[in-house]
Amino acid sequence: NNATDMSLFLLEEALVATVTGEAFGNKDCIRISYAASKEQITEA
């Protein structure tokens, strides 16, 4: 229903941790950090 649901879905079903945009004042987006290796980014 919202960005928080999306972040939780990705954590539980894709095993990838992101952050809901609602924490940043935006209900439509999620934040994905690419401070990770290229291999991790590709797999995620």
ModelCIF file with pLDDT and N, C-alpha, C, O atoms, coordinates in Angstrom:
data_MODEL
#
_entry.id   MODEL 
#
_entity.id                         1 
_entity.type                       polymer 
_entity.pdbx_number_of_molecules   1 
#
_entity_poly.entity_id                      1 
_entity_poly.type                           'polypeptide(L)' 
_entity_poly.nstd_linkage                   no 
_entity_poly.nstd_monomer                   no 
_entity_poly.pdbx_seq_one_letter_code       NNATDMSLFLLEEALVATVTGEAFGNKDCIRISYAASKEQITEA 
_entity_poly.pdbx_seq_one_letter_code_can   NNATDMSLFLLEEALVATVTGEAFGNKDCIRISYAASKEQITEA 
_entity_poly.pdbx_strand_id                 A 
#
loop_
_entity_poly_seq.entity_id 
_entity_poly_seq.num 
_entity_poly_seq.mon_id 
_entity_poly_seq.hetero 
1 1  ASN n 
1 2  ASN n 
1 3  ALA n 
1 4  THR n 
1 5  ASP n 
1 6  MET n 
1 7  SER n 
1 8  LEU n 
1 9  PHE n 
1 10 LEU n 
1 11 LEU n 
1 12 GLU n 
1 13 GLU n 
1 14 ALA n 
1 15 LEU n 
1 16 VAL n 
1 17 ALA n 
1 18 THR n 
1 19 VAL n 
1 20 THR n 
1 21 GLY n 
1 22 GLU n 
1 23 ALA n 
1 24 PHE n 
1 25 GLY n 
1 26 ASN n 
1 27 LYS n 
1 28 ASP n 
1 29 CYS n 
1 30 ILE n 
1 31 ARG n 
1 32 ILE n 
1 33 SER n 
1 34 TYR n 
1 35 ALA n 
1 36 ALA n 
1 37 SER n 
1 38 LYS n 
1 39 GLU n 
1 40 GLN n 
1 41 ILE n 
1 42 THR n 
1 43 GLU n 
1 44 ALA n 
#
_struct_asym.id          A 
_struct_asym.entity_id   1 
#
loop_
_ma_qa_metric.id 
_ma_qa_metric.mode 
_ma_qa_metric.name 
_ma_qa_metric.software_group_id 
_ma_qa_metric.type 
1 global pLDDT . pLDDT 
2 local  pLDDT . pLDDT 
#
_ma_qa_metric_global.metric_id      1 
_ma_qa_metric_global.metric_value   95.52 
_ma_qa_metric_global.model_id       1 
_ma_qa_metric_global.ordinal_id     1 
#
loop_
_ma_qa_metric_local.label_asym_id 
_ma_qa_metric_local.label_comp_id 
_ma_qa_metric_local.label_seq_id 
_ma_qa_metric_local.metric_id 
_ma_qa_metric_local.metric_value 
_ma_qa_metric_local.model_id 
_ma_qa_metric_local.ordinal_id 
A ASN 1  2 95.00 1 1  
A ASN 2  2 95.00 1 2  
A ALA 3  2 95.00 1 3  
A THR 4  2 93.00 1 4  
A ASP 5  2 94.00 1 5  
A MET 6  2 96.00 1 6  
A SER 7  2 95.00 1 7  
A LEU 8  2 92.00 1 8  
A PHE 9  2 95.00 1 9  
A LEU 10 2 96.00 1 10 
A LEU 11 2 95.00 1 11 
A GLU 12 2 92.00 1 12 
A GLU 13 2 95.00 1 13 
A ALA 14 2 96.00 1 14 
A LEU 15 2 96.00 1 15 
A VAL 16 2 96.00 1 16 
A ALA 17 2 95.00 1 17 
A THR 18 2 96.00 1 18 
A VAL 19 2 95.00 1 19 
A THR 20 2 95.00 1 20 
A GLY 21 2 96.00 1 21 
A GLU 22 2 94.00 1 22 
A ALA 23 2 92.00 1 23 
A PHE 24 2 95.00 1 24 
A GLY 25 2 95.00 1 25 
A ASN 26 2 95.00 1 26 
A LYS 27 2 93.00 1 27 
A ASP 28 2 96.00 1 28 
A CYS 29 2 97.00 1 29 
A ILE 30 2 97.00 1 30 
A ARG 31 2 97.00 1 31 
A ILE 32 2 97.00 1 32 
A SER 33 2 97.00 1 33 
A TYR 34 2 97.00 1 34 
A ALA 35 2 96.00 1 35 
A ALA 36 2 96.00 1 36 
A SER 37 2 96.00 1 37 
A LYS 38 2 97.00 1 38 
A GLU 39 2 97.00 1 39 
A GLN 40 2 96.00 1 40 
A ILE 41 2 97.00 1 41 
A THR 42 2 98.00 1 42 
A GLU 43 2 98.00 1 43 
A ALA 44 2 97.00 1 44 
#
loop_
_atom_site.group_PDB 
_atom_site.id 
_atom_site.type_symbol 
_atom_site.label_atom_id 
_atom_site.label_alt_id 
_atom_site.label_comp_id 
_atom_site.label_asym_id 
_atom_site.label_entity_id 
_atom_site.label_seq_id 
_atom_site.pdbx_PDB_ins_code 
_atom_site.Cartn_x 
_atom_site.Cartn_y 
_atom_site.Cartn_z 
_atom_site.occupancy 
_atom_site.B_iso_or_equiv 
_atom_site.pdbx_formal_charge 
_atom_site.auth_seq_id 
_atom_site.auth_comp_id 
_atom_site.auth_asym_id 
_atom_site.auth_atom_id 
_atom_site.pdbx_PDB_model_num 
ATOM 1   N N  . ASN A 1 1  ? 0.802  -1.221  0.000  1.00 95.00 ? 1  ASN A N  1 
ATOM 2   C CA . ASN A 1 1  ? 0.000  0.000   0.000  1.00 95.00 ? 1  ASN A CA 1 
ATOM 3   C C  . ASN A 1 1  ? 0.836  1.272   0.000  1.00 95.00 ? 1  ASN A C  1 
ATOM 4   O O  . ASN A 1 1  ? 0.335  2.350   -0.320 1.00 95.00 ? 1  ASN A O  1 
ATOM 5   N N  . ASN A 1 2  ? 2.109  1.145   0.360  1.00 95.00 ? 2  ASN A N  1 
ATOM 6   C CA . ASN A 1 2  ? 2.958  2.336   0.479  1.00 95.00 ? 2  ASN A CA 1 
ATOM 7   C C  . ASN A 1 2  ? 4.423  1.926   0.434  1.00 95.00 ? 2  ASN A C  1 
ATOM 8   O O  . ASN A 1 2  ? 4.754  0.748   0.296  1.00 95.00 ? 2  ASN A O  1 
ATOM 9   N N  . ALA A 1 3  ? 5.290  2.925   0.554  1.00 95.00 ? 3  ALA A N  1 
ATOM 10  C CA . ALA A 1 3  ? 6.728  2.663   0.456  1.00 95.00 ? 3  ALA A CA 1 
ATOM 11  C C  . ALA A 1 3  ? 7.229  1.793   1.609  1.00 95.00 ? 3  ALA A C  1 
ATOM 12  O O  . ALA A 1 3  ? 8.156  1.001   1.438  1.00 95.00 ? 3  ALA A O  1 
ATOM 13  N N  . THR A 1 4  ? 6.618  1.944   2.772  1.00 93.00 ? 4  THR A N  1 
ATOM 14  C CA . THR A 1 4  ? 7.027  1.113   3.912  1.00 93.00 ? 4  THR A CA 1 
ATOM 15  C C  . THR A 1 4  ? 6.721  -0.352  3.635  1.00 93.00 ? 4  THR A C  1 
ATOM 16  O O  . THR A 1 4  ? 7.537  -1.230  3.915  1.00 93.00 ? 4  THR A O  1 
ATOM 17  N N  . ASP A 1 5  ? 5.531  -0.612  3.080  1.00 94.00 ? 5  ASP A N  1 
ATOM 18  C CA . ASP A 1 5  ? 5.194  -1.990  2.705  1.00 94.00 ? 5  ASP A CA 1 
ATOM 19  C C  . ASP A 1 5  ? 6.189  -2.541  1.692  1.00 94.00 ? 5  ASP A C  1 
ATOM 20  O O  . ASP A 1 5  ? 6.583  -3.704  1.767  1.00 94.00 ? 5  ASP A O  1 
ATOM 21  N N  . MET A 1 6  ? 6.593  -1.699  0.746  1.00 96.00 ? 6  MET A N  1 
ATOM 22  C CA . MET A 1 6  ? 7.545  -2.148  -0.274 1.00 96.00 ? 6  MET A CA 1 
ATOM 23  C C  . MET A 1 6  ? 8.886  -2.521  0.358  1.00 96.00 ? 6  MET A C  1 
ATOM 24  O O  . MET A 1 6  ? 9.459  -3.562  0.036  1.00 96.00 ? 6  MET A O  1 
ATOM 25  N N  . SER A 1 7  ? 9.385  -1.669  1.260  1.00 95.00 ? 7  SER A N  1 
ATOM 26  C CA . SER A 1 7  ? 10.670 -1.970  1.900  1.00 95.00 ? 7  SER A CA 1 
ATOM 27  C C  . SER A 1 7  ? 10.606 -3.258  2.699  1.00 95.00 ? 7  SER A C  1 
ATOM 28  O O  . SER A 1 7  ? 11.544 -4.054  2.663  1.00 95.00 ? 7  SER A O  1 
ATOM 29  N N  . LEU A 1 8  ? 9.508  -3.477  3.422  1.00 92.00 ? 8  LEU A N  1 
ATOM 30  C CA . LEU A 1 8  ? 9.365  -4.706  4.204  1.00 92.00 ? 8  LEU A CA 1 
ATOM 31  C C  . LEU A 1 8  ? 9.227  -5.920  3.292  1.00 92.00 ? 8  LEU A C  1 
ATOM 32  O O  . LEU A 1 8  ? 9.763  -6.989  3.583  1.00 92.00 ? 8  LEU A O  1 
ATOM 33  N N  . PHE A 1 9  ? 8.506  -5.748  2.188  1.00 95.00 ? 9  PHE A N  1 
ATOM 34  C CA . PHE A 1 9  ? 8.363  -6.845  1.222  1.00 95.00 ? 9  PHE A CA 1 
ATOM 35  C C  . PHE A 1 9  ? 9.729  -7.237  0.664  1.00 95.00 ? 9  PHE A C  1 
ATOM 36  O O  . PHE A 1 9  ? 10.049 -8.422  0.580  1.00 95.00 ? 9  PHE A O  1 
ATOM 37  N N  . LEU A 1 10 ? 10.536 -6.239  0.281  1.00 96.00 ? 10 LEU A N  1 
ATOM 38  C CA . LEU A 1 10 ? 11.841 -6.542  -0.297 1.00 96.00 ? 10 LEU A CA 1 
ATOM 39  C C  . LEU A 1 10 ? 12.768 -7.191  0.727  1.00 96.00 ? 10 LEU A C  1 
ATOM 40  O O  . LEU A 1 10 ? 13.588 -8.041  0.381  1.00 96.00 ? 10 LEU A O  1 
ATOM 41  N N  . LEU A 1 11 ? 12.632 -6.785  1.990  1.00 95.00 ? 11 LEU A N  1 
ATOM 42  C CA . LEU A 1 11 ? 13.458 -7.399  3.029  1.00 95.00 ? 11 LEU A CA 1 
ATOM 43  C C  . LEU A 1 11 ? 13.066 -8.859  3.239  1.00 95.00 ? 11 LEU A C  1 
ATOM 44  O O  . LEU A 1 11 ? 13.927 -9.735  3.329  1.00 95.00 ? 11 LEU A O  1 
ATOM 45  N N  . GLU A 1 12 ? 11.776 -9.110  3.314  1.00 92.00 ? 12 GLU A N  1 
ATOM 46  C CA . GLU A 1 12 ? 11.303 -10.458 3.642  1.00 92.00 ? 12 GLU A CA 1 
ATOM 47  C C  . GLU A 1 12 ? 11.323 -11.411 2.449  1.00 92.00 ? 12 GLU A C  1 
ATOM 48  O O  . GLU A 1 12 ? 11.594 -12.601 2.612  1.00 92.00 ? 12 GLU A O  1 
ATOM 49  N N  . GLU A 1 13 ? 11.038 -10.895 1.247  1.00 95.00 ? 13 GLU A N  1 
ATOM 50  C CA . GLU A 1 13 ? 10.919 -11.775 0.075  1.00 95.00 ? 13 GLU A CA 1 
ATOM 51  C C  . GLU A 1 13 ? 12.169 -11.784 -0.802 1.00 95.00 ? 13 GLU A C  1 
ATOM 52  O O  . GLU A 1 13 ? 12.509 -12.809 -1.392 1.00 95.00 ? 13 GLU A O  1 
ATOM 53  N N  . ALA A 1 14 ? 12.855 -10.634 -0.887 1.00 96.00 ? 14 ALA A N  1 
ATOM 54  C CA . ALA A 1 14 ? 14.073 -10.578 -1.705 1.00 96.00 ? 14 ALA A CA 1 
ATOM 55  C C  . ALA A 1 14 ? 15.326 -10.661 -0.850 1.00 96.00 ? 14 ALA A C  1 
ATOM 56  O O  . ALA A 1 14 ? 16.430 -10.835 -1.366 1.00 96.00 ? 14 ALA A O  1 
ATOM 57  N N  . LEU A 1 15 ? 15.148 -10.535 0.472  1.00 96.00 ? 15 LEU A N  1 
ATOM 58  C CA . LEU A 1 15 ? 16.275 -10.519 1.420  1.00 96.00 ? 15 LEU A CA 1 
ATOM 59  C C  . LEU A 1 15 ? 17.235 -9.370  1.122  1.00 96.00 ? 15 LEU A C  1 
ATOM 60  O O  . LEU A 1 15 ? 18.455 -9.518  1.197  1.00 96.00 ? 15 LEU A O  1 
ATOM 61  N N  . VAL A 1 16 ? 16.648 -8.217  0.779  1.00 96.00 ? 16 VAL A N  1 
ATOM 62  C CA . VAL A 1 16 ? 17.417 -6.998  0.508  1.00 96.00 ? 16 VAL A CA 1 
ATOM 63  C C  . VAL A 1 16 ? 16.874 -5.890  1.405  1.00 96.00 ? 16 VAL A C  1 
ATOM 64  O O  . VAL A 1 16 ? 15.676 -5.609  1.401  1.00 96.00 ? 16 VAL A O  1 
ATOM 65  N N  . ALA A 1 17 ? 17.758 -5.268  2.168  1.00 95.00 ? 17 ALA A N  1 
ATOM 66  C CA . ALA A 1 17 ? 17.357 -4.185  3.074  1.00 95.00 ? 17 ALA A CA 1 
ATOM 67  C C  . ALA A 1 17 ? 17.464 -2.842  2.362  1.00 95.00 ? 17 ALA A C  1 
ATOM 68  O O  . ALA A 1 17 ? 18.533 -2.470  1.877  1.00 95.00 ? 17 ALA A O  1 
ATOM 69  N N  . THR A 1 18 ? 16.340 -2.114  2.302  1.00 96.00 ? 18 THR A N  1 
ATOM 70  C CA . THR A 1 18 ? 16.287 -0.747  1.789  1.00 96.00 ? 18 THR A CA 1 
ATOM 71  C C  . THR A 1 18 ? 15.639 0.107   2.889  1.00 96.00 ? 18 THR A C  1 
ATOM 72  O O  . THR A 1 18 ? 15.437 -0.379  4.002  1.00 96.00 ? 18 THR A O  1 
ATOM 73  N N  . VAL A 1 19 ? 15.315 1.357   2.594  1.00 95.00 ? 19 VAL A N  1 
ATOM 74  C CA . VAL A 1 19 ? 14.633 2.200   3.583  1.00 95.00 ? 19 VAL A CA 1 
ATOM 75  C C  . VAL A 1 19 ? 13.430 2.859   2.923  1.00 95.00 ? 19 VAL A C  1 
ATOM 76  O O  . VAL A 1 19 ? 13.516 3.347   1.796  1.00 95.00 ? 19 VAL A O  1 
ATOM 77  N N  . THR A 1 20 ? 12.320 2.867   3.629  1.00 95.00 ? 20 THR A N  1 
ATOM 78  C CA . THR A 1 20 ? 11.129 3.521   3.114  1.00 95.00 ? 20 THR A CA 1 
ATOM 79  C C  . THR A 1 20 ? 11.332 5.028   2.955  1.00 95.00 ? 20 THR A C  1 
ATOM 80  O O  . THR A 1 20 ? 11.961 5.673   3.794  1.00 95.00 ? 20 THR A O  1 
ATOM 81  N N  . GLY A 1 21 ? 10.800 5.564   1.891  1.00 96.00 ? 21 GLY A N  1 
ATOM 82  C CA . GLY A 1 21 ? 10.871 7.007   1.681  1.00 96.00 ? 21 GLY A CA 1 
ATOM 83  C C  . GLY A 1 21 ? 10.041 7.789   2.673  1.00 96.00 ? 21 GLY A C  1 
ATOM 84  O O  . GLY A 1 21 ? 10.258 8.987   2.853  1.00 96.00 ? 21 GLY A O  1 
ATOM 85  N N  . GLU A 1 22 ? 9.085  7.126   3.326  1.00 94.00 ? 22 GLU A N  1 
ATOM 86  C CA . GLU A 1 22 ? 8.265  7.823   4.312  1.00 94.00 ? 22 GLU A CA 1 
ATOM 87  C C  . GLU A 1 22 ? 9.114  8.370   5.454  1.00 94.00 ? 22 GLU A C  1 
ATOM 88  O O  . GLU A 1 22 ? 8.750  9.370   6.073  1.00 94.00 ? 22 GLU A O  1 
ATOM 89  N N  . ALA A 1 23 ? 10.236 7.727   5.736  1.00 92.00 ? 23 ALA A N  1 
ATOM 90  C CA . ALA A 1 23 ? 11.131 8.225   6.780  1.00 92.00 ? 23 ALA A CA 1 
ATOM 91  C C  . ALA A 1 23 ? 11.780 9.546   6.382  1.00 92.00 ? 23 ALA A C  1 
ATOM 92  O O  . ALA A 1 23 ? 12.246 10.296  7.240  1.00 92.00 ? 23 ALA A O  1 
ATOM 93  N N  . PHE A 1 24 ? 11.810 9.830   5.091  1.00 95.00 ? 24 PHE A N  1 
ATOM 94  C CA . PHE A 1 24 ? 12.432 11.040  4.571  1.00 95.00 ? 24 PHE A CA 1 
ATOM 95  C C  . PHE A 1 24 ? 11.399 12.068  4.096  1.00 95.00 ? 24 PHE A C  1 
ATOM 96  O O  . PHE A 1 24 ? 11.740 13.056  3.445  1.00 95.00 ? 24 PHE A O  1 
ATOM 97  N N  . GLY A 1 25 ? 10.134 11.816  4.435  1.00 95.00 ? 25 GLY A N  1 
ATOM 98  C CA . GLY A 1 25 ? 9.088  12.745  4.042  1.00 95.00 ? 25 GLY A CA 1 
ATOM 99  C C  . GLY A 1 25 ? 8.527  12.517  2.655  1.00 95.00 ? 25 GLY A C  1 
ATOM 100 O O  . GLY A 1 25 ? 7.869  13.400  2.106  1.00 95.00 ? 25 GLY A O  1 
ATOM 101 N N  . ASN A 1 26 ? 8.776  11.334  2.068  1.00 95.00 ? 26 ASN A N  1 
ATOM 102 C CA . ASN A 1 26 ? 8.269  11.018  0.738  1.00 95.00 ? 26 ASN A CA 1 
ATOM 103 C C  . ASN A 1 26 ? 7.632  9.629   0.772  1.00 95.00 ? 26 ASN A C  1 
ATOM 104 O O  . ASN A 1 26 ? 8.312  8.640   1.046  1.00 95.00 ? 26 ASN A O  1 
ATOM 105 N N  . LYS A 1 27 ? 6.335  9.553   0.496  1.00 93.00 ? 27 LYS A N  1 
ATOM 106 C CA . LYS A 1 27 ? 5.604  8.294   0.651  1.00 93.00 ? 27 LYS A CA 1 
ATOM 107 C C  . LYS A 1 27 ? 5.664  7.402   -0.581 1.00 93.00 ? 27 LYS A C  1 
ATOM 108 O O  . LYS A 1 27 ? 5.194  6.265   -0.543 1.00 93.00 ? 27 LYS A O  1 
ATOM 109 N N  . ASP A 1 28 ? 6.238  7.904   -1.678 1.00 96.00 ? 28 ASP A N  1 
ATOM 110 C CA . ASP A 1 28 ? 6.196  7.155   -2.940 1.00 96.00 ? 28 ASP A CA 1 
ATOM 111 C C  . ASP A 1 28 ? 7.499  6.439   -3.285 1.00 96.00 ? 28 ASP A C  1 
ATOM 112 O O  . ASP A 1 28 ? 7.531  5.639   -4.220 1.00 96.00 ? 28 ASP A O  1 
ATOM 113 N N  . CYS A 1 29 ? 8.565  6.713   -2.551 1.00 97.00 ? 29 CYS A N  1 
ATOM 114 C CA . CYS A 1 29 ? 9.889  6.226   -2.951 1.00 97.00 ? 29 CYS A CA 1 
ATOM 115 C C  . CYS A 1 29 ? 10.518 5.361   -1.866 1.00 97.00 ? 29 CYS A C  1 
ATOM 116 O O  . CYS A 1 29 ? 10.087 5.363   -0.713 1.00 97.00 ? 29 CYS A O  1 
ATOM 117 N N  . ILE A 1 30 ? 11.544 4.628   -2.265 1.00 97.00 ? 30 ILE A N  1 
ATOM 118 C CA . ILE A 1 30 ? 12.404 3.939   -1.309 1.00 97.00 ? 30 ILE A CA 1 
ATOM 119 C C  . ILE A 1 30 ? 13.845 4.362   -1.570 1.00 97.00 ? 30 ILE A C  1 
ATOM 120 O O  . ILE A 1 30 ? 14.213 4.707   -2.692 1.00 97.00 ? 30 ILE A O  1 
ATOM 121 N N  . ARG A 1 31 ? 14.642 4.329   -0.524 1.00 97.00 ? 31 ARG A N  1 
ATOM 122 C CA . ARG A 1 31 ? 16.062 4.659   -0.690 1.00 97.00 ? 31 ARG A CA 1 
ATOM 123 C C  . ARG A 1 31 ? 16.873 3.385   -0.773 1.00 97.00 ? 31 ARG A C  1 
ATOM 124 O O  . ARG A 1 31 ? 16.764 2.499   0.075  1.00 97.00 ? 31 ARG A O  1 
ATOM 125 N N  . ILE A 1 32 ? 17.691 3.310   -1.813 1.00 97.00 ? 32 ILE A N  1 
ATOM 126 C CA . ILE A 1 32 ? 18.612 2.181   -1.990 1.00 97.00 ? 32 ILE A CA 1 
ATOM 127 C C  . ILE A 1 32 ? 20.021 2.733   -1.998 1.00 97.00 ? 32 ILE A C  1 
ATOM 128 O O  . ILE A 1 32 ? 20.359 3.577   -2.827 1.00 97.00 ? 32 ILE A O  1 
ATOM 129 N N  . SER A 1 33 ? 20.845 2.259   -1.078 1.00 97.00 ? 33 SER A N  1 
ATOM 130 C CA . SER A 1 33 ? 22.234 2.697   -1.017 1.00 97.00 ? 33 SER A CA 1 
ATOM 131 C C  . SER A 1 33 ? 23.081 1.813   -1.933 1.00 97.00 ? 33 SER A C  1 
ATOM 132 O O  . SER A 1 33 ? 22.924 0.593   -1.965 1.00 97.00 ? 33 SER A O  1 
ATOM 133 N N  . TYR A 1 34 ? 23.991 2.466   -2.682 1.00 97.00 ? 34 TYR A N  1 
ATOM 134 C CA . TYR A 1 34 ? 24.938 1.655   -3.442 1.00 97.00 ? 34 TYR A CA 1 
ATOM 135 C C  . TYR A 1 34 ? 26.349 1.743   -2.849 1.00 97.00 ? 34 TYR A C  1 
ATOM 136 O O  . TYR A 1 34 ? 27.352 1.651   -3.556 1.00 97.00 ? 34 TYR A O  1 
ATOM 137 N N  . ALA A 1 35 ? 26.386 1.924   -1.522 1.00 96.00 ? 35 ALA A N  1 
ATOM 138 C CA . ALA A 1 35 ? 27.652 1.802   -0.798 1.00 96.00 ? 35 ALA A CA 1 
ATOM 139 C C  . ALA A 1 35 ? 27.873 0.324   -0.471 1.00 96.00 ? 35 ALA A C  1 
ATOM 140 O O  . ALA A 1 35 ? 27.923 -0.083  0.690  1.00 96.00 ? 35 ALA A O  1 
ATOM 141 N N  . ALA A 1 36 ? 28.001 -0.446  -1.522 1.00 96.00 ? 36 ALA A N  1 
ATOM 142 C CA . ALA A 1 36 ? 28.201 -1.895  -1.426 1.00 96.00 ? 36 ALA A CA 1 
ATOM 143 C C  . ALA A 1 36 ? 28.975 -2.327  -2.656 1.00 96.00 ? 36 ALA A C  1 
ATOM 144 O O  . ALA A 1 36 ? 29.097 -1.568  -3.617 1.00 96.00 ? 36 ALA A O  1 
ATOM 145 N N  . SER A 1 37 ? 29.492 -3.532  -2.631 1.00 96.00 ? 37 SER A N  1 
ATOM 146 C CA . SER A 1 37 ? 30.281 -4.002  -3.765 1.00 96.00 ? 37 SER A CA 1 
ATOM 147 C C  . SER A 1 37 ? 29.402 -4.168  -4.995 1.00 96.00 ? 37 SER A C  1 
ATOM 148 O O  . SER A 1 37 ? 28.185 -4.317  -4.884 1.00 96.00 ? 37 SER A O  1 
ATOM 149 N N  . LYS A 1 38 ? 30.027 -4.143  -6.169 1.00 97.00 ? 38 LYS A N  1 
ATOM 150 C CA . LYS A 1 38 ? 29.275 -4.341  -7.414 1.00 97.00 ? 38 LYS A CA 1 
ATOM 151 C C  . LYS A 1 38 ? 28.603 -5.710  -7.430 1.00 97.00 ? 38 LYS A C  1 
ATOM 152 O O  . LYS A 1 38 ? 27.504 -5.861  -7.962 1.00 97.00 ? 38 LYS A O  1 
ATOM 153 N N  . GLU A 1 39 ? 29.255 -6.691  -6.854 1.00 97.00 ? 39 GLU A N  1 
ATOM 154 C CA . GLU A 1 39 ? 28.674 -8.034  -6.804 1.00 97.00 ? 39 GLU A CA 1 
ATOM 155 C C  . GLU A 1 39 ? 27.407 -8.038  -5.947 1.00 97.00 ? 39 GLU A C  1 
ATOM 156 O O  . GLU A 1 39 ? 26.402 -8.644  -6.316 1.00 97.00 ? 39 GLU A O  1 
ATOM 157 N N  . GLN A 1 40 ? 27.466 -7.352  -4.794 1.00 96.00 ? 40 GLN A N  1 
ATOM 158 C CA . GLN A 1 40 ? 26.288 -7.274  -3.928 1.00 96.00 ? 40 GLN A CA 1 
ATOM 159 C C  . GLN A 1 40 ? 25.157 -6.503  -4.593 1.00 96.00 ? 40 GLN A C  1 
ATOM 160 O O  . GLN A 1 40 ? 23.993 -6.895  -4.510 1.00 96.00 ? 40 GLN A O  1 
ATOM 161 N N  . ILE A 1 41 ? 25.511 -5.393  -5.260 1.00 97.00 ? 41 ILE A N  1 
ATOM 162 C CA . ILE A 1 41 ? 24.490 -4.596  -5.949 1.00 97.00 ? 41 ILE A CA 1 
ATOM 163 C C  . ILE A 1 41 ? 23.810 -5.432  -7.030 1.00 97.00 ? 41 ILE A C  1 
ATOM 164 O O  . ILE A 1 41 ? 22.585 -5.433  -7.147 1.00 97.00 ? 41 ILE A O  1 
ATOM 165 N N  . THR A 1 42 ? 24.612 -6.140  -7.813 1.00 98.00 ? 42 THR A N  1 
ATOM 166 C CA . THR A 1 42 ? 24.062 -6.958  -8.904 1.00 98.00 ? 42 THR A CA 1 
ATOM 167 C C  . THR A 1 42 ? 23.142 -8.034  -8.367 1.00 98.00 ? 42 THR A C  1 
ATOM 168 O O  . THR A 1 42 ? 22.046 -8.237  -8.889 1.00 98.00 ? 42 THR A O  1 
ATOM 169 N N  . GLU A 1 43 ? 23.580 -8.722  -7.328 1.00 98.00 ? 43 GLU A N  1 
ATOM 170 C CA . GLU A 1 43 ? 22.774 -9.782  -6.741 1.00 98.00 ? 43 GLU A CA 1 
ATOM 171 C C  . GLU A 1 43 ? 21.496 -9.213  -6.111 1.00 98.00 ? 43 GLU A C  1 
ATOM 172 O O  . GLU A 1 43 ? 20.420 -9.796  -6.250 1.00 98.00 ? 43 GLU A O  1 
ATOM 173 N N  . ALA A 1 44 ? 21.619 -8.073  -5.419 1.00 97.00 ? 44 ALA A N  1 
ATOM 174 C CA . ALA A 1 44 ? 20.455 -7.474  -4.764 1.00 97.00 ? 44 ALA A CA 1 
ATOM 175 C C  . ALA A 1 44 ? 19.386 -7.084  -5.775 1.00 97.00 ? 44 ALA A C  1 
ATOM 176 O O  . ALA A 1 44 ? 18.337 -6.565  -5.394 1.00 97.00 ? 44 ALA A O  1 
#
